Amino acid sequence: MANGHPWRALAFGGGTLVAAFVLVRRVARETLARMPQDPLDVDVGLPLRLVTEIHRANARFFFWITLVVVLLWIGSIFDAWHGARKS
C-alpha cells in the first residue's frame, strides 16, 4: 500500500483474511463436534484435551494453512521491499 499498489495490498491482506477465516471455521467446527453432550461431563482438562485431539486430527490442515499464511506474508514483504528499491 505504501508503494502505491493498493490492489496488491488488497490481494495479500485479503488472502490472509481468507486463510484466517478458513482456520477459525475449521477449528470451531472441530471443537463443536468434540464437545461433550452432557453439561455435567465437563472437567478442568477439557480445553487441553480438545486442543490435543483437534491438532492430532487436523495436523496436515494446520501445516498447509500455516504455509499459505507464511508465503503470503513473505510475498508481501518481498513486494514491499522490491517496490521500495525501484522508487
PDB file of N, CA and C in Angstrom:
ATOM      1  N   MET A   1       0.824  -1.182   0.000  1.00  0.00           N
ATOM      2  CA  MET A   1       0.000   0.000   0.000  1.00  0.00           C
ATOM      3  C   MET A   1       0.875   1.255   0.000  1.00  0.00           C
ATOM      4  N   ALA A   2       1.951   1.224   0.773  1.00  0.00           N
ATOM      5  CA  ALA A   2       2.833   2.388   0.870  1.00  0.00           C
ATOM      6  C   ALA A   2       3.572   2.643  -0.433  1.00  0.00           C
ATOM      7  N   ASN A   3       3.745   1.620  -1.249  1.00  0.00           N
ATOM      8  CA  ASN A   3       4.457   1.777  -2.524  1.00  0.00           C
ATOM      9  C   ASN A   3       3.535   2.140  -3.676  1.00  0.00           C
ATOM     10  N   GLY A   4       2.266   2.382  -3.368  1.00  0.00           N
ATOM     11  CA  GLY A   4       1.332   2.792  -4.407  1.00  0.00           C
ATOM     12  C   GLY A   4       0.691   1.657  -5.174  1.00  0.00           C
ATOM     13  N   HIS A   5       0.621   0.470  -4.580  1.00  0.00           N
ATOM     14  CA  HIS A   5      -0.025  -0.676  -5.218  1.00  0.00           C
ATOM     15  C   HIS A   5      -1.160  -1.193  -4.324  1.00  0.00           C
ATOM     16  N   PRO A   6      -2.299  -0.491  -4.317  1.00  0.00           N
ATOM     17  CA  PRO A   6      -3.377  -0.890  -3.412  1.00  0.00           C
ATOM     18  C   PRO A   6      -3.973  -2.255  -3.757  1.00  0.00           C
ATOM     19  N   TRP A   7      -3.977  -2.631  -5.025  1.00  0.00           N
ATOM     20  CA  TRP A   7      -4.568  -3.925  -5.398  1.00  0.00           C
ATOM     21  C   TRP A   7      -3.705  -5.082  -4.916  1.00  0.00           C
ATOM     22  N   ARG A   8      -2.405  -4.912  -4.941  1.00  0.00           N
ATOM     23  CA  ARG A   8      -1.524  -5.952  -4.402  1.00  0.00           C
ATOM     24  C   ARG A   8      -1.699  -6.070  -2.894  1.00  0.00           C
ATOM     25  N   ALA A   9      -1.791  -4.923  -2.235  1.00  0.00           N
ATOM     26  CA  ALA A   9      -2.004  -4.928  -0.787  1.00  0.00           C
ATOM     27  C   ALA A   9      -3.328  -5.602  -0.454  1.00  0.00           C
ATOM     28  N   LEU A  10      -4.348  -5.323  -1.240  1.00  0.00           N
ATOM     29  CA  LEU A  10      -5.648  -5.956  -1.029  1.00  0.00           C
ATOM     30  C   LEU A  10      -5.571  -7.462  -1.263  1.00  0.00           C
ATOM     31  N   ALA A  11      -4.804  -7.880  -2.239  1.00  0.00           N
ATOM     32  CA  ALA A  11      -4.658  -9.313  -2.517  1.00  0.00           C
ATOM     33  C   ALA A  11      -3.945 -10.021  -1.367  1.00  0.00           C
ATOM     34  N   PHE A  12      -2.852  -9.442  -0.894  1.00  0.00           N
ATOM     35  CA  PHE A  12      -2.118 -10.060   0.222  1.00  0.00           C
ATOM     36  C   PHE A  12      -2.952 -10.034   1.501  1.00  0.00           C
ATOM     37  N   GLY A  13      -3.547  -8.904   1.806  1.00  0.00           N
ATOM     38  CA  GLY A  13      -4.369  -8.800   3.012  1.00  0.00           C
ATOM     39  C   GLY A  13      -5.619  -9.660   2.929  1.00  0.00           C
ATOM     40  N   GLY A  14      -6.262  -9.642   1.769  1.00  0.00           N
ATOM     41  CA  GLY A  14      -7.457 -10.471   1.583  1.00  0.00           C
ATOM     42  C   GLY A  14      -7.145 -11.953   1.656  1.00  0.00           C
ATOM     43  N   GLY A  15      -6.023 -12.354   1.093  1.00  0.00           N
ATOM     44  CA  GLY A  15      -5.618 -13.756   1.173  1.00  0.00           C
ATOM     45  C   GLY A  15      -5.382 -14.201   2.604  1.00  0.00           C
ATOM     46  N   THR A  16      -4.760 -13.321   3.383  1.00  0.00           N
ATOM     47  CA  THR A  16      -4.524 -13.627   4.794  1.00  0.00           C
ATOM     48  C   THR A  16      -5.839 -13.721   5.552  1.00  0.00           C
ATOM     49  N   LEU A  17      -6.770 -12.803   5.279  1.00  0.00           N
ATOM     50  CA  LEU A  17      -8.077 -12.853   5.941  1.00  0.00           C
ATOM     51  C   LEU A  17      -8.866 -14.101   5.567  1.00  0.00           C
ATOM     52  N   VAL A  18      -8.804 -14.498   4.319  1.00  0.00           N
ATOM     53  CA  VAL A  18      -9.495 -15.720   3.894  1.00  0.00           C
ATOM     54  C   VAL A  18      -8.905 -16.940   4.605  1.00  0.00           C
ATOM     55  N   ALA A  19      -7.576 -17.001   4.675  1.00  0.00           N
ATOM     56  CA  ALA A  19      -6.935 -18.122   5.375  1.00  0.00           C
ATOM     57  C   ALA A  19      -7.307 -18.132   6.853  1.00  0.00           C
ATOM     58  N   ALA A  20      -7.359 -16.953   7.478  1.00  0.00           N
ATOM     59  CA  ALA A  20      -7.754 -16.879   8.890  1.00  0.00           C
ATOM     60  C   ALA A  20      -9.200 -17.312   9.071  1.00  0.00           C
ATOM     61  N   PHE A  21     -10.075 -16.921   8.164  1.00  0.00           N
ATOM     62  CA  PHE A  21     -11.477 -17.324   8.240  1.00  0.00           C
ATOM     63  C   PHE A  21     -11.619 -18.838   8.108  1.00  0.00           C
ATOM     64  N   VAL A  22     -10.908 -19.418   7.157  1.00  0.00           N
ATOM     65  CA  VAL A  22     -10.954 -20.869   6.959  1.00  0.00           C
ATOM     66  C   VAL A  22     -10.451 -21.588   8.212  1.00  0.00           C
ATOM     67  N   LEU A  23      -9.392 -21.078   8.798  1.00  0.00           N
ATOM     68  CA  LEU A  23      -8.834 -21.672  10.012  1.00  0.00           C
ATOM     69  C   LEU A  23      -9.819 -21.605  11.172  1.00  0.00           C
ATOM     70  N   VAL A  24     -10.397 -20.440  11.413  1.00  0.00           N
ATOM     71  CA  VAL A  24     -11.335 -20.282  12.530  1.00  0.00           C
ATOM     72  C   VAL A  24     -12.570 -21.150  12.322  1.00  0.00           C
ATOM     73  N   ARG A  25     -13.072 -21.199  11.087  1.00  0.00           N
ATOM     74  CA  ARG A  25     -14.249 -22.037  10.802  1.00  0.00           C
ATOM     75  C   ARG A  25     -13.960 -23.506  11.060  1.00  0.00           C
ATOM     76  N   ARG A  26     -12.784 -23.959  10.640  1.00  0.00           N
ATOM     77  CA  ARG A  26     -12.419 -25.366  10.831  1.00  0.00           C
ATOM     78  C   ARG A  26     -12.272 -25.703  12.312  1.00  0.00           C
ATOM     79  N   VAL A  27     -11.596 -24.830  13.067  1.00  0.00           N
ATOM     80  CA  VAL A  27     -11.400 -25.075  14.496  1.00  0.00           C
ATOM     81  C   VAL A  27     -12.748 -25.052  15.230  1.00  0.00           C
ATOM     82  N   ALA A  28     -13.616 -24.118  14.886  1.00  0.00           N
ATOM     83  CA  ALA A  28     -14.926 -24.048  15.531  1.00  0.00           C
ATOM     84  C   ALA A  28     -15.743 -25.305  15.251  1.00  0.00           C
ATOM     85  N   ARG A  29     -15.727 -25.763  14.012  1.00  0.00           N
ATOM     86  CA  ARG A  29     -16.486 -26.971  13.654  1.00  0.00           C
ATOM     87  C   ARG A  29     -15.935 -28.196  14.383  1.00  0.00           C
ATOM     88  N   GLU A  30     -14.614 -28.313  14.431  1.00  0.00           N
ATOM     89  CA  GLU A  30     -13.995 -29.453  15.118  1.00  0.00           C
ATOM     90  C   GLU A  30     -14.261 -29.401  16.631  1.00  0.00           C
ATOM     91  N   THR A  31     -14.236 -28.206  17.197  1.00  0.00           N
ATOM     92  CA  THR A  31     -14.488 -28.063  18.633  1.00  0.00           C
ATOM     93  C   THR A  31     -15.919 -28.438  18.971  1.00  0.00           C
ATOM     94  N   LEU A  32     -16.867 -27.940  18.199  1.00  0.00           N
ATOM     95  CA  LEU A  32     -18.274 -28.262  18.458  1.00  0.00           C
ATOM     96  C   LEU A  32     -18.556 -29.750  18.301  1.00  0.00           C
ATOM     97  N   ALA A  33     -17.870 -30.391  17.373  1.00  0.00           N
ATOM     98  CA  ALA A  33     -18.081 -31.832  17.174  1.00  0.00           C
ATOM     99  C   ALA A  33     -17.542 -32.655  18.340  1.00  0.00           C
ATOM    100  N   ARG A  34     -16.560 -32.114  19.067  1.00  0.00           N
ATOM    101  CA  ARG A  34     -15.938 -32.871  20.159  1.00  0.00           C
ATOM    102  C   ARG A  34     -16.439 -32.474  21.552  1.00  0.00           C
ATOM    103  N   MET A  35     -17.293 -31.490  21.628  1.00  0.00           N
ATOM    104  CA  MET A  35     -17.804 -31.063  22.927  1.00  0.00           C
ATOM    105  C   MET A  35     -18.708 -32.156  23.506  1.00  0.00           C
ATOM    106  N   PRO A  36     -18.617 -32.383  24.812  1.00  0.00           N
ATOM    107  CA  PRO A  36     -19.479 -33.389  25.423  1.00  0.00           C
ATOM    108  C   PRO A  36     -20.945 -32.950  25.384  1.00  0.00           C
ATOM    109  N   GLN A  37     -21.834 -33.913  25.193  1.00  0.00           N
ATOM    110  CA  GLN A  37     -23.262 -33.621  25.132  1.00  0.00           C
ATOM    111  C   GLN A  37     -23.844 -33.331  26.512  1.00  0.00           C
ATOM    112  N   ASP A  38     -23.282 -33.967  27.514  1.00  0.00           N
ATOM    113  CA  ASP A  38     -23.760 -33.790  28.882  1.00  0.00           C
ATOM    114  C   ASP A  38     -23.023 -32.618  29.529  1.00  0.00           C
ATOM    115  N   PRO A  39     -23.735 -31.566  29.959  1.00  0.00           N
ATOM    116  CA  PRO A  39     -23.054 -30.419  30.559  1.00  0.00           C
ATOM    117  C   PRO A  39     -22.326 -30.765  31.857  1.00  0.00           C
ATOM    118  N   LEU A  40     -22.704 -31.854  32.502  1.00  0.00           N
ATOM    119  CA  LEU A  40     -22.037 -32.263  33.736  1.00  0.00           C
ATOM    120  C   LEU A  40     -20.753 -33.036  33.462  1.00  0.00           C
ATOM    121  N   ASP A  41     -20.512 -33.365  32.201  1.00  0.00           N
ATOM    122  CA  ASP A  41     -19.331 -34.143  31.822  1.00  0.00           C
ATOM    123  C   ASP A  41     -18.102 -33.254  31.552  1.00  0.00           C
ATOM    124  N   VAL A  42     -18.226 -31.950  31.777  1.00  0.00           N
ATOM    125  CA  VAL A  42     -17.136 -31.010  31.524  1.00  0.00           C
ATOM    126  C   VAL A  42     -16.194 -31.018  32.727  1.00  0.00           C
ATOM    127  N   ASP A  43     -14.890 -31.117  32.441  1.00  0.00           N
ATOM    128  CA  ASP A  43     -13.901 -31.081  33.514  1.00  0.00           C
ATOM    129  C   ASP A  43     -12.847 -30.016  33.217  1.00  0.00           C
ATOM    130  N   VAL A  44     -11.948 -29.826  34.139  1.00  0.00           N
ATOM    131  CA  VAL A  44     -10.922 -28.794  34.016  1.00  0.00           C
ATOM    132  C   VAL A  44      -9.979 -29.072  32.851  1.00  0.00           C
ATOM    133  N   GLY A  45      -9.708 -30.319  32.542  1.00  0.00           N
ATOM    134  CA  GLY A  45      -8.774 -30.674  31.488  1.00  0.00           C
ATOM    135  C   GLY A  45      -9.376 -30.687  30.102  1.00  0.00           C
ATOM    136  N   LEU A  46     -10.653 -30.360  29.965  1.00  0.00           N
ATOM    137  CA  LEU A  46     -11.313 -30.417  28.662  1.00  0.00           C
ATOM    138  C   LEU A  46     -10.650 -29.527  27.610  1.00  0.00           C
ATOM    139  N   PRO A  47     -10.329 -28.263  27.889  1.00  0.00           N
ATOM    140  CA  PRO A  47      -9.701 -27.444  26.835  1.00  0.00           C
ATOM    141  C   PRO A  47      -8.395 -28.029  26.310  1.00  0.00           C
ATOM    142  N   LEU A  48      -7.563 -28.508  27.202  1.00  0.00           N
ATOM    143  CA  LEU A  48      -6.292 -29.093  26.772  1.00  0.00           C
ATOM    144  C   LEU A  48      -6.523 -30.369  25.960  1.00  0.00           C
ATOM    145  N   ARG A  49      -7.467 -31.175  26.383  1.00  0.00           N
ATOM    146  CA  ARG A  49      -7.784 -32.407  25.663  1.00  0.00           C
ATOM    147  C   ARG A  49      -8.356 -32.084  24.272  1.00  0.00           C
ATOM    148  N   LEU A  50      -9.217 -31.066  24.193  1.00  0.00           N
ATOM    149  CA  LEU A  50      -9.774 -30.670  22.899  1.00  0.00           C
ATOM    150  C   LEU A  50      -8.679 -30.177  21.956  1.00  0.00           C
ATOM    151  N   VAL A  51      -7.791 -29.345  22.473  1.00  0.00           N
ATOM    152  CA  VAL A  51      -6.700 -28.828  21.636  1.00  0.00           C
ATOM    153  C   VAL A  51      -5.845 -29.971  21.103  1.00  0.00           C
ATOM    154  N   THR A  52      -5.529 -30.916  21.972  1.00  0.00           N
ATOM    155  CA  THR A  52      -4.703 -32.053  21.561  1.00  0.00           C
ATOM    156  C   THR A  52      -5.403 -32.896  20.505  1.00  0.00           C
ATOM    157  N   GLU A  53      -6.672 -33.204  20.724  1.00  0.00           N
ATOM    158  CA  GLU A  53      -7.430 -34.021  19.759  1.00  0.00           C
ATOM    159  C   GLU A  53      -7.577 -33.312  18.417  1.00  0.00           C
ATOM    160  N   ILE A  54      -7.900 -32.028  18.466  1.00  0.00           N
ATOM    161  CA  ILE A  54      -8.087 -31.272  17.220  1.00  0.00           C
ATOM    162  C   ILE A  54      -6.777 -31.154  16.459  1.00  0.00           C
ATOM    163  N   HIS A  55      -5.700 -30.917  17.167  1.00  0.00           N
ATOM    164  CA  HIS A  55      -4.404 -30.818  16.491  1.00  0.00           C
ATOM    165  C   HIS A  55      -4.013 -32.145  15.855  1.00  0.00           C
ATOM    166  N   ARG A  56      -4.182 -33.227  16.570  1.00  0.00           N
ATOM    167  CA  ARG A  56      -3.817 -34.536  16.004  1.00  0.00           C
ATOM    168  C   ARG A  56      -4.659 -34.889  14.792  1.00  0.00           C
ATOM    169  N   ALA A  57      -5.945 -34.580  14.857  1.00  0.00           N
ATOM    170  CA  ALA A  57      -6.839 -34.932  13.753  1.00  0.00           C
ATOM    171  C   ALA A  57      -6.651 -34.026  12.535  1.00  0.00           C
ATOM    172  N   ASN A  58      -6.105 -32.832  12.735  1.00  0.00           N
ATOM    173  CA  ASN A  58      -6.010 -31.860  11.647  1.00  0.00           C
ATOM    174  C   ASN A  58      -4.600 -31.345  11.424  1.00  0.00           C
ATOM    175  N   ALA A  59      -3.599 -32.119  11.767  1.00  0.00           N
ATOM    176  CA  ALA A  59      -2.213 -31.662  11.672  1.00  0.00           C
ATOM    177  C   ALA A  59      -1.851 -31.252  10.240  1.00  0.00           C
ATOM    178  N   ARG A  60      -2.280 -32.005   9.270  1.00  0.00           N
ATOM    179  CA  ARG A  60      -1.971 -31.682   7.873  1.00  0.00           C
ATOM    180  C   ARG A  60      -2.628 -30.355   7.461  1.00  0.00           C
ATOM    181  N   PHE A  61      -3.872 -30.156   7.870  1.00  0.00           N
ATOM    182  CA  PHE A  61      -4.564 -28.907   7.569  1.00  0.00           C
ATOM    183  C   PHE A  61      -3.832 -27.721   8.192  1.00  0.00           C
ATOM    184  N   PHE A  62      -3.436 -27.848   9.465  1.00  0.00           N
ATOM    185  CA  PHE A  62      -2.726 -26.760  10.136  1.00  0.00           C
ATOM    186  C   PHE A  62      -1.394 -26.468   9.458  1.00  0.00           C
ATOM    187  N   PHE A  63      -0.711 -27.487   8.993  1.00  0.00           N
ATOM    188  CA  PHE A  63       0.551 -27.279   8.277  1.00  0.00           C
ATOM    189  C   PHE A  63       0.314 -26.455   7.016  1.00  0.00           C
ATOM    190  N   TRP A  64      -0.671 -26.848   6.213  1.00  0.00           N
ATOM    191  CA  TRP A  64      -0.900 -26.171   4.942  1.00  0.00           C
ATOM    192  C   TRP A  64      -1.420 -24.753   5.125  1.00  0.00           C
ATOM    193  N   ILE A  65      -2.301 -24.542   6.100  1.00  0.00           N
ATOM    194  CA  ILE A  65      -2.823 -23.185   6.302  1.00  0.00           C
ATOM    195  C   ILE A  65      -1.715 -22.270   6.822  1.00  0.00           C
ATOM    196  N   THR A  66      -0.837 -22.796   7.666  1.00  0.00           N
ATOM    197  CA  THR A  66       0.303 -22.010   8.147  1.00  0.00           C
ATOM    198  C   THR A  66       1.241 -21.683   6.994  1.00  0.00           C
ATOM    199  N   LEU A  67       1.504 -22.651   6.139  1.00  0.00           N
ATOM    200  CA  LEU A  67       2.361 -22.421   4.981  1.00  0.00           C
ATOM    201  C   LEU A  67       1.773 -21.351   4.061  1.00  0.00           C
ATOM    202  N   VAL A  68       0.476 -21.387   3.839  1.00  0.00           N
ATOM    203  CA  VAL A  68      -0.176 -20.383   2.989  1.00  0.00           C
ATOM    204  C   VAL A  68       0.009 -18.987   3.577  1.00  0.00           C
ATOM    205  N   VAL A  69      -0.243 -18.840   4.884  1.00  0.00           N
ATOM    206  CA  VAL A  69      -0.106 -17.527   5.520  1.00  0.00           C
ATOM    207  C   VAL A  69       1.344 -17.041   5.484  1.00  0.00           C
ATOM    208  N   VAL A  70       2.280 -17.916   5.768  1.00  0.00           N
ATOM    209  CA  VAL A  70       3.696 -17.523   5.748  1.00  0.00           C
ATOM    210  C   VAL A  70       4.112 -17.111   4.332  1.00  0.00           C
ATOM    211  N   LEU A  71       3.685 -17.854   3.327  1.00  0.00           N
ATOM    212  CA  LEU A  71       4.030 -17.488   1.946  1.00  0.00           C
ATOM    213  C   LEU A  71       3.390 -16.167   1.538  1.00  0.00           C
ATOM    214  N   LEU A  72       2.166 -15.917   1.970  1.00  0.00           N
ATOM    215  CA  LEU A  72       1.538 -14.623   1.694  1.00  0.00           C
ATOM    216  C   LEU A  72       2.329 -13.486   2.327  1.00  0.00           C
ATOM    217  N   TRP A  73       2.745 -13.687   3.565  1.00  0.00           N
ATOM    218  CA  TRP A  73       3.498 -12.639   4.257  1.00  0.00           C
ATOM    219  C   TRP A  73       4.871 -12.438   3.626  1.00  0.00           C
ATOM    220  N   ILE A  74       5.539 -13.516   3.281  1.00  0.00           N
ATOM    221  CA  ILE A  74       6.842 -13.387   2.622  1.00  0.00           C
ATOM    222  C   ILE A  74       6.676 -12.680   1.280  1.00  0.00           C
ATOM    223  N   GLY A  75       5.645 -13.038   0.539  1.00  0.00           N
ATOM    224  CA  GLY A  75       5.380 -12.363  -0.730  1.00  0.00           C
ATOM    225  C   GLY A  75       5.095 -10.883  -0.543  1.00  0.00           C
ATOM    226  N   SER A  76       4.349 -10.554   0.492  1.00  0.00           N
ATOM    227  CA  SER A  76       4.045  -9.160   0.786  1.00  0.00           C
ATOM    228  C   SER A  76       5.311  -8.381   1.164  1.00  0.00           C
ATOM    229  N   ILE A  77       6.131  -8.983   1.990  1.00  0.00           N
ATOM    230  CA  ILE A  77       7.390  -8.336   2.397  1.00  0.00           C
ATOM    231  C   ILE A  77       8.300  -8.139   1.191  1.00  0.00           C
ATOM    232  N   PHE A  78       8.431  -9.165   0.368  1.00  0.00           N
ATOM    233  CA  PHE A  78       9.274  -9.056  -0.821  1.00  0.00           C
ATOM    234  C   PHE A  78       8.737  -7.993  -1.769  1.00  0.00           C
ATOM    235  N   ASP A  79       7.413  -7.957  -1.960  1.00  0.00           N
ATOM    236  CA  ASP A  79       6.812  -6.974  -2.849  1.00  0.00           C
ATOM    237  C   ASP A  79       7.065  -5.556  -2.337  1.00  0.00           C
ATOM    238  N   ALA A  80       6.928  -5.351  -1.026  1.00  0.00           N
ATOM    239  CA  ALA A  80       7.181  -4.025  -0.455  1.00  0.00           C
ATOM    240  C   ALA A  80       8.655  -3.647  -0.596  1.00  0.00           C
ATOM    241  N   TRP A  81       9.538  -4.585  -0.335  1.00  0.00           N
ATOM    242  CA  TRP A  81      10.972  -4.320  -0.448  1.00  0.00           C
ATOM    243  C   TRP A  81      11.346  -4.015  -1.897  1.00  0.00           C
ATOM    244  N   HIS A  82      10.848  -4.840  -2.815  1.00  0.00           N
ATOM    245  CA  HIS A  82      11.160  -4.660  -4.224  1.00  0.00           C
ATOM    246  C   HIS A  82      10.595  -3.332  -4.747  1.00  0.00           C
ATOM    247  N   GLY A  83       9.393  -2.991  -4.330  1.00  0.00           N
ATOM    248  CA  GLY A  83       8.798  -1.733  -4.767  1.00  0.00           C
ATOM    249  C   GLY A  83       9.531  -0.531  -4.202  1.00  0.00           C
ATOM    250  N   ALA A  84      10.018  -0.633  -2.973  1.00  0.00           N
ATOM    251  CA  ALA A  84      10.751   0.470  -2.366  1.00  0.00           C
ATOM    252  C   ALA A  84      12.102   0.663  -3.049  1.00  0.00           C
ATOM    253  N   ARG A  85      12.720  -0.429  -3.474  1.00  0.00           N
ATOM    254  CA  ARG A  85      14.024  -0.322  -4.147  1.00  0.00           C
ATOM    255  C   ARG A  85      13.888   0.360  -5.507  1.00  0.00           C
ATOM    256  N   LYS A  86      12.762   0.122  -6.199  1.00  0.00           N
ATOM    257  CA  LYS A  86      12.563   0.702  -7.513  1.00  0.00           C
ATOM    258  C   LYS A  86      12.332   2.216  -7.444  1.00  0.00           C
ATOM    259  N   SER A  87      11.778   2.677  -6.337  1.00  0.00           N
ATOM    260  CA  SER A  87      11.478   4.113  -6.248  1.00  0.00           C
ATOM    261  C   SER A  87      12.467   4.895  -5.439  1.00  0.00           C
TER     262      SER A  87
END
